[in-house]
Amino acid sequence: MGYVVTKANNSRTAQSIEEAYEESVFRSFGAWEVIRHDREPALMADVYRAFNRILGQKQKATVAYRPQANGKAERMVQTVTRAVKMYVQDEGKHDWDEYVERLPHTLNTAYDRI
């Protein structure tokens, strides 16, 4: 499966993604060797490519219009989305952004029985 990291963010610009990555991943784990993504426009932007070059990371985009090429990541996005929706549906749960940032611990320590 890999290691899950989530970060609540109200923007999808290259700069906001770069800042979220730095805060949530780089400060804790350092630079990753490869960043694999699904051709999100912000991740294809020159500023994000330059950011990866500075960190010495390679960028690998999956084949366009083929979500199955990103199978494990897409499956985890579905799992996170479902978990957040279930949490928000409970009465009085408005701190979903805090929940999203605690959720990876559960996902990363869960025993996969499938």
N, C-alpha and C. Protein backbone atom coordinates (compact mmCIF):
# COMPACT_ATOMS: atom_id res chain seq x y z
N MET A 1 0.82 -1.19 0.00
CA MET A 1 0.00 0.00 0.00
C MET A 1 0.86 1.25 0.00
N GLY A 2 1.92 1.29 0.74
CA GLY A 2 2.68 2.52 0.87
C GLY A 2 2.34 3.22 2.17
N TYR A 3 2.83 4.40 2.35
CA TYR A 3 2.61 5.17 3.56
C TYR A 3 1.68 6.32 3.24
N VAL A 4 0.62 6.46 4.03
CA VAL A 4 -0.40 7.48 3.78
C VAL A 4 -0.10 8.74 4.57
N VAL A 5 -0.16 9.88 3.89
CA VAL A 5 -0.02 11.20 4.51
C VAL A 5 -1.16 12.04 3.97
N THR A 6 -1.89 12.71 4.85
CA THR A 6 -2.98 13.59 4.41
C THR A 6 -2.77 14.98 4.98
N LYS A 7 -3.32 15.95 4.28
CA LYS A 7 -3.23 17.35 4.72
C LYS A 7 -4.44 18.09 4.19
N ALA A 8 -5.21 18.70 5.08
CA ALA A 8 -6.35 19.52 4.66
C ALA A 8 -5.80 20.78 4.00
N ASN A 9 -6.39 21.13 2.87
CA ASN A 9 -5.90 22.28 2.12
C ASN A 9 -7.07 22.86 1.33
N ASN A 10 -7.22 24.17 1.35
CA ASN A 10 -8.33 24.80 0.63
C ASN A 10 -7.92 25.31 -0.75
N SER A 11 -6.73 24.93 -1.19
CA SER A 11 -6.24 25.39 -2.48
C SER A 11 -5.53 24.25 -3.20
N ARG A 12 -5.56 24.29 -4.53
CA ARG A 12 -4.88 23.26 -5.31
C ARG A 12 -3.82 23.87 -6.22
N THR A 13 -3.26 24.99 -5.80
CA THR A 13 -2.20 25.60 -6.60
C THR A 13 -0.89 24.86 -6.34
N ALA A 14 0.04 25.01 -7.26
CA ALA A 14 1.35 24.38 -7.09
C ALA A 14 2.02 24.84 -5.80
N GLN A 15 1.90 26.13 -5.50
CA GLN A 15 2.53 26.66 -4.29
C GLN A 15 1.91 26.07 -3.03
N SER A 16 0.57 25.96 -2.97
CA SER A 16 -0.06 25.42 -1.76
C SER A 16 0.27 23.94 -1.60
N ILE A 17 0.35 23.20 -2.70
CA ILE A 17 0.72 21.79 -2.63
C ILE A 17 2.17 21.65 -2.18
N GLU A 18 3.02 22.50 -2.70
CA GLU A 18 4.44 22.50 -2.30
C GLU A 18 4.57 22.77 -0.80
N GLU A 19 3.84 23.76 -0.29
CA GLU A 19 3.90 24.10 1.13
C GLU A 19 3.36 22.95 1.99
N ALA A 20 2.27 22.33 1.56
CA ALA A 20 1.70 21.20 2.30
C ALA A 20 2.68 20.02 2.31
N TYR A 21 3.32 19.76 1.18
CA TYR A 21 4.31 18.68 1.11
C TYR A 21 5.48 18.96 2.05
N GLU A 22 5.96 20.19 2.02
CA GLU A 22 7.09 20.54 2.88
C GLU A 22 6.72 20.34 4.35
N GLU A 23 5.54 20.81 4.73
CA GLU A 23 5.10 20.72 6.13
C GLU A 23 4.80 19.29 6.55
N SER A 24 4.10 18.54 5.71
CA SER A 24 3.61 17.22 6.11
C SER A 24 4.56 16.07 5.82
N VAL A 25 5.40 16.21 4.83
CA VAL A 25 6.27 15.10 4.43
C VAL A 25 7.74 15.44 4.64
N PHE A 26 8.21 16.47 3.99
CA PHE A 26 9.64 16.77 3.98
C PHE A 26 10.21 16.99 5.38
N ARG A 27 9.52 17.74 6.21
CA ARG A 27 10.04 18.02 7.56
C ARG A 27 10.14 16.77 8.42
N SER A 28 9.27 15.80 8.16
CA SER A 28 9.28 14.57 8.95
C SER A 28 10.15 13.46 8.36
N PHE A 29 10.15 13.35 7.04
CA PHE A 29 10.78 12.20 6.39
C PHE A 29 11.91 12.56 5.43
N GLY A 30 12.06 13.83 5.11
CA GLY A 30 13.03 14.22 4.10
C GLY A 30 12.44 14.07 2.71
N ALA A 31 13.27 14.28 1.72
CA ALA A 31 12.80 14.20 0.33
C ALA A 31 12.62 12.74 -0.07
N TRP A 32 11.58 12.48 -0.82
CA TRP A 32 11.36 11.15 -1.36
C TRP A 32 12.12 11.02 -2.67
N GLU A 33 12.48 9.83 -3.01
CA GLU A 33 13.22 9.61 -4.25
C GLU A 33 12.35 9.91 -5.47
N VAL A 34 11.10 9.46 -5.41
CA VAL A 34 10.18 9.63 -6.54
C VAL A 34 8.83 10.11 -6.02
N ILE A 35 8.25 11.09 -6.70
CA ILE A 35 6.89 11.53 -6.44
C ILE A 35 6.05 11.04 -7.62
N ARG A 36 5.10 10.18 -7.34
CA ARG A 36 4.22 9.67 -8.40
C ARG A 36 2.87 10.36 -8.23
N HIS A 37 2.33 10.84 -9.33
CA HIS A 37 1.05 11.54 -9.26
C HIS A 37 0.22 11.30 -10.51
N ASP A 38 -0.99 11.80 -10.48
CA ASP A 38 -1.98 11.52 -11.53
C ASP A 38 -2.16 12.67 -12.51
N ARG A 39 -1.12 13.40 -12.78
CA ARG A 39 -1.16 14.53 -13.72
C ARG A 39 -2.03 15.70 -13.25
N GLU A 40 -2.16 15.84 -11.96
CA GLU A 40 -2.83 17.02 -11.40
C GLU A 40 -2.12 18.24 -11.99
N PRO A 41 -2.87 19.18 -12.59
CA PRO A 41 -2.23 20.34 -13.24
C PRO A 41 -1.22 21.08 -12.35
N ALA A 42 -1.54 21.24 -11.08
CA ALA A 42 -0.60 21.94 -10.19
C ALA A 42 0.71 21.18 -10.05
N LEU A 43 0.65 19.85 -10.12
CA LEU A 43 1.87 19.06 -10.00
C LEU A 43 2.68 19.02 -11.29
N MET A 44 2.06 19.42 -12.38
CA MET A 44 2.75 19.49 -13.66
C MET A 44 3.33 20.89 -13.91
N ALA A 45 3.01 21.83 -13.02
CA ALA A 45 3.45 23.22 -13.19
C ALA A 45 4.96 23.35 -13.03
N ASP A 46 5.52 24.34 -13.70
CA ASP A 46 6.97 24.57 -13.65
C ASP A 46 7.47 24.80 -12.23
N VAL A 47 6.69 25.51 -11.41
CA VAL A 47 7.13 25.82 -10.05
C VAL A 47 7.25 24.54 -9.23
N TYR A 48 6.34 23.59 -9.42
CA TYR A 48 6.42 22.33 -8.67
C TYR A 48 7.56 21.46 -9.20
N ARG A 49 7.77 21.50 -10.51
CA ARG A 49 8.89 20.74 -11.09
C ARG A 49 10.22 21.29 -10.56
N ALA A 50 10.33 22.61 -10.46
CA ALA A 50 11.55 23.23 -9.93
C ALA A 50 11.75 22.84 -8.47
N PHE A 51 10.67 22.82 -7.70
CA PHE A 51 10.70 22.41 -6.30
C PHE A 51 11.28 21.00 -6.18
N ASN A 52 10.80 20.09 -7.03
CA ASN A 52 11.29 18.71 -7.01
C ASN A 52 12.76 18.63 -7.41
N ARG A 53 13.17 19.43 -8.37
CA ARG A 53 14.59 19.44 -8.77
C ARG A 53 15.48 19.89 -7.61
N ILE A 54 15.04 20.92 -6.89
CA ILE A 54 15.80 21.43 -5.75
C ILE A 54 15.98 20.34 -4.70
N LEU A 55 14.92 19.55 -4.47
CA LEU A 55 14.98 18.49 -3.47
C LEU A 55 15.63 17.21 -4.00
N GLY A 56 15.89 17.17 -5.30
CA GLY A 56 16.49 15.98 -5.89
C GLY A 56 15.51 14.84 -6.08
N GLN A 57 14.24 15.17 -6.21
CA GLN A 57 13.20 14.17 -6.40
C GLN A 57 12.86 14.04 -7.88
N LYS A 58 12.50 12.84 -8.28
CA LYS A 58 12.01 12.63 -9.63
C LYS A 58 10.49 12.67 -9.60
N GLN A 59 9.91 13.18 -10.66
CA GLN A 59 8.46 13.23 -10.80
C GLN A 59 8.05 12.20 -11.83
N LYS A 60 7.08 11.36 -11.49
CA LYS A 60 6.57 10.38 -12.45
C LYS A 60 5.05 10.51 -12.47
N ALA A 61 4.54 10.89 -13.62
CA ALA A 61 3.09 11.02 -13.79
C ALA A 61 2.55 9.75 -14.43
N THR A 62 1.38 9.33 -13.99
CA THR A 62 0.75 8.16 -14.58
C THR A 62 0.19 8.51 -15.95
N VAL A 63 -0.22 7.51 -16.69
CA VAL A 63 -0.78 7.70 -18.02
C VAL A 63 -2.08 8.49 -17.90
N ALA A 64 -2.26 9.47 -18.77
CA ALA A 64 -3.45 10.32 -18.73
C ALA A 64 -4.72 9.51 -18.94
N TYR A 65 -5.77 9.88 -18.21
CA TYR A 65 -7.11 9.30 -18.34
C TYR A 65 -7.14 7.80 -18.05
N ARG A 66 -6.24 7.32 -17.23
CA ARG A 66 -6.20 5.91 -16.86
C ARG A 66 -6.07 5.82 -15.34
N PRO A 67 -7.16 6.03 -14.58
CA PRO A 67 -7.05 6.00 -13.13
C PRO A 67 -6.53 4.66 -12.60
N GLN A 68 -6.75 3.57 -13.35
CA GLN A 68 -6.27 2.28 -12.89
C GLN A 68 -4.74 2.23 -12.85
N ALA A 69 -4.07 3.13 -13.58
CA ALA A 69 -2.61 3.20 -13.53
C ALA A 69 -2.15 3.68 -12.17
N ASN A 70 -3.02 4.31 -11.45
CA ASN A 70 -2.74 4.83 -10.11
C ASN A 70 -3.55 4.04 -9.09
N GLY A 71 -3.79 2.77 -9.35
CA GLY A 71 -4.71 1.93 -8.60
C GLY A 71 -4.65 2.04 -7.09
N LYS A 72 -3.48 1.80 -6.50
CA LYS A 72 -3.36 1.82 -5.04
C LYS A 72 -3.66 3.20 -4.49
N ALA A 73 -3.14 4.23 -5.13
CA ALA A 73 -3.38 5.60 -4.66
C ALA A 73 -4.85 5.96 -4.79
N GLU A 74 -5.47 5.62 -5.92
CA GLU A 74 -6.89 5.93 -6.11
C GLU A 74 -7.74 5.20 -5.07
N ARG A 75 -7.39 3.97 -4.76
CA ARG A 75 -8.12 3.20 -3.76
C ARG A 75 -8.00 3.87 -2.39
N MET A 76 -6.82 4.35 -2.05
CA MET A 76 -6.63 5.01 -0.77
C MET A 76 -7.37 6.34 -0.72
N VAL A 77 -7.43 7.07 -1.83
CA VAL A 77 -8.21 8.30 -1.88
C VAL A 77 -9.67 7.98 -1.59
N GLN A 78 -10.19 6.92 -2.16
CA GLN A 78 -11.58 6.50 -1.89
C GLN A 78 -11.76 6.17 -0.41
N THR A 79 -10.81 5.46 0.17
CA THR A 79 -10.90 5.09 1.59
C THR A 79 -10.90 6.33 2.47
N VAL A 80 -10.00 7.27 2.21
CA VAL A 80 -9.93 8.51 3.00
C VAL A 80 -11.21 9.32 2.83
N THR A 81 -11.70 9.43 1.60
CA THR A 81 -12.93 10.19 1.32
C THR A 81 -14.10 9.59 2.07
N ARG A 82 -14.24 8.28 2.03
CA ARG A 82 -15.34 7.61 2.75
C ARG A 82 -15.24 7.85 4.25
N ALA A 83 -14.04 7.73 4.80
CA ALA A 83 -13.85 7.93 6.23
C ALA A 83 -14.22 9.35 6.65
N VAL A 84 -13.81 10.34 5.87
CA VAL A 84 -14.12 11.73 6.19
C VAL A 84 -15.62 11.98 6.09
N LYS A 85 -16.27 11.45 5.05
CA LYS A 85 -17.72 11.62 4.90
C LYS A 85 -18.47 11.01 6.08
N MET A 86 -18.04 9.83 6.52
CA MET A 86 -18.70 9.19 7.67
C MET A 86 -18.51 10.04 8.92
N TYR A 87 -17.33 10.59 9.10
CA TYR A 87 -17.04 11.42 10.26
C TYR A 87 -17.89 12.69 10.25
N VAL A 88 -17.99 13.34 9.10
CA VAL A 88 -18.73 14.60 8.98
C VAL A 88 -20.22 14.39 9.17
N GLN A 89 -20.74 13.23 8.78
CA GLN A 89 -22.17 12.96 8.89
C GLN A 89 -22.63 12.90 10.34
N ASP A 90 -21.72 12.60 11.26
CA ASP A 90 -22.09 12.61 12.68
C ASP A 90 -22.45 14.03 13.08
N GLU A 91 -23.49 14.16 13.87
CA GLU A 91 -23.96 15.48 14.28
C GLU A 91 -22.87 16.25 15.03
N GLY A 92 -22.66 17.47 14.63
CA GLY A 92 -21.73 18.35 15.33
C GLY A 92 -20.27 18.17 14.96
N LYS A 93 -19.99 17.41 13.93
CA LYS A 93 -18.59 17.19 13.54
C LYS A 93 -18.19 18.18 12.46
N HIS A 94 -17.57 19.27 12.87
CA HIS A 94 -17.16 20.31 11.92
C HIS A 94 -15.64 20.44 11.85
N ASP A 95 -14.93 19.62 12.59
CA ASP A 95 -13.47 19.71 12.60
C ASP A 95 -12.83 18.67 11.68
N TRP A 96 -13.46 18.47 10.52
CA TRP A 96 -12.99 17.44 9.58
C TRP A 96 -11.54 17.66 9.18
N ASP A 97 -11.11 18.92 9.11
CA ASP A 97 -9.73 19.19 8.71
C ASP A 97 -8.73 18.63 9.72
N GLU A 98 -9.08 18.69 11.01
CA GLU A 98 -8.23 18.10 12.04
C GLU A 98 -8.28 16.58 11.96
N TYR A 99 -9.47 16.04 11.71
CA TYR A 99 -9.65 14.59 11.59
C TYR A 99 -8.82 14.05 10.43
N VAL A 100 -8.84 14.75 9.31
CA VAL A 100 -8.09 14.32 8.12
C VAL A 100 -6.61 14.17 8.44
N GLU A 101 -6.09 15.01 9.30
CA GLU A 101 -4.67 14.95 9.61
C GLU A 101 -4.35 13.89 10.66
N ARG A 102 -5.36 13.40 11.38
CA ARG A 102 -5.16 12.30 12.33
C ARG A 102 -5.42 10.94 11.69
N LEU A 103 -6.19 10.92 10.63
CA LEU A 103 -6.60 9.69 9.97
C LEU A 103 -5.44 8.81 9.49
N PRO A 104 -4.36 9.34 8.97
CA PRO A 104 -3.28 8.48 8.48
C PRO A 104 -2.73 7.50 9.52
N HIS A 105 -2.70 7.90 10.79
CA HIS A 105 -2.21 6.97 11.81
C HIS A 105 -3.03 5.68 11.79
N THR A 106 -4.34 5.83 11.73
CA THR A 106 -5.21 4.66 11.69
C THR A 106 -4.95 3.83 10.43
N LEU A 107 -4.86 4.50 9.30
CA LEU A 107 -4.66 3.79 8.03
C LEU A 107 -3.29 3.11 7.97
N ASN A 108 -2.28 3.76 8.50
CA ASN A 108 -0.93 3.21 8.42
C ASN A 108 -0.67 2.10 9.42
N THR A 109 -1.49 2.00 10.46
CA THR A 109 -1.29 0.95 11.46
C THR A 109 -2.34 -0.15 11.37
N ALA A 110 -3.29 -0.01 10.46
CA ALA A 110 -4.35 -1.02 10.29
C ALA A 110 -3.77 -2.27 9.66
N TYR A 111 -4.26 -3.40 10.10
CA TYR A 111 -3.86 -4.68 9.53
C TYR A 111 -4.75 -4.95 8.33
N ASP A 112 -4.16 -5.11 7.18
CA ASP A 112 -4.91 -5.36 5.95
C ASP A 112 -5.23 -6.84 5.85
N ARG A 113 -6.50 -7.17 5.88
CA ARG A 113 -6.92 -8.58 5.85
C ARG A 113 -7.32 -9.04 4.46
N ILE A 114 -7.24 -8.17 3.50
CA ILE A 114 -7.67 -8.54 2.16
C ILE A 114 -6.54 -9.21 1.40
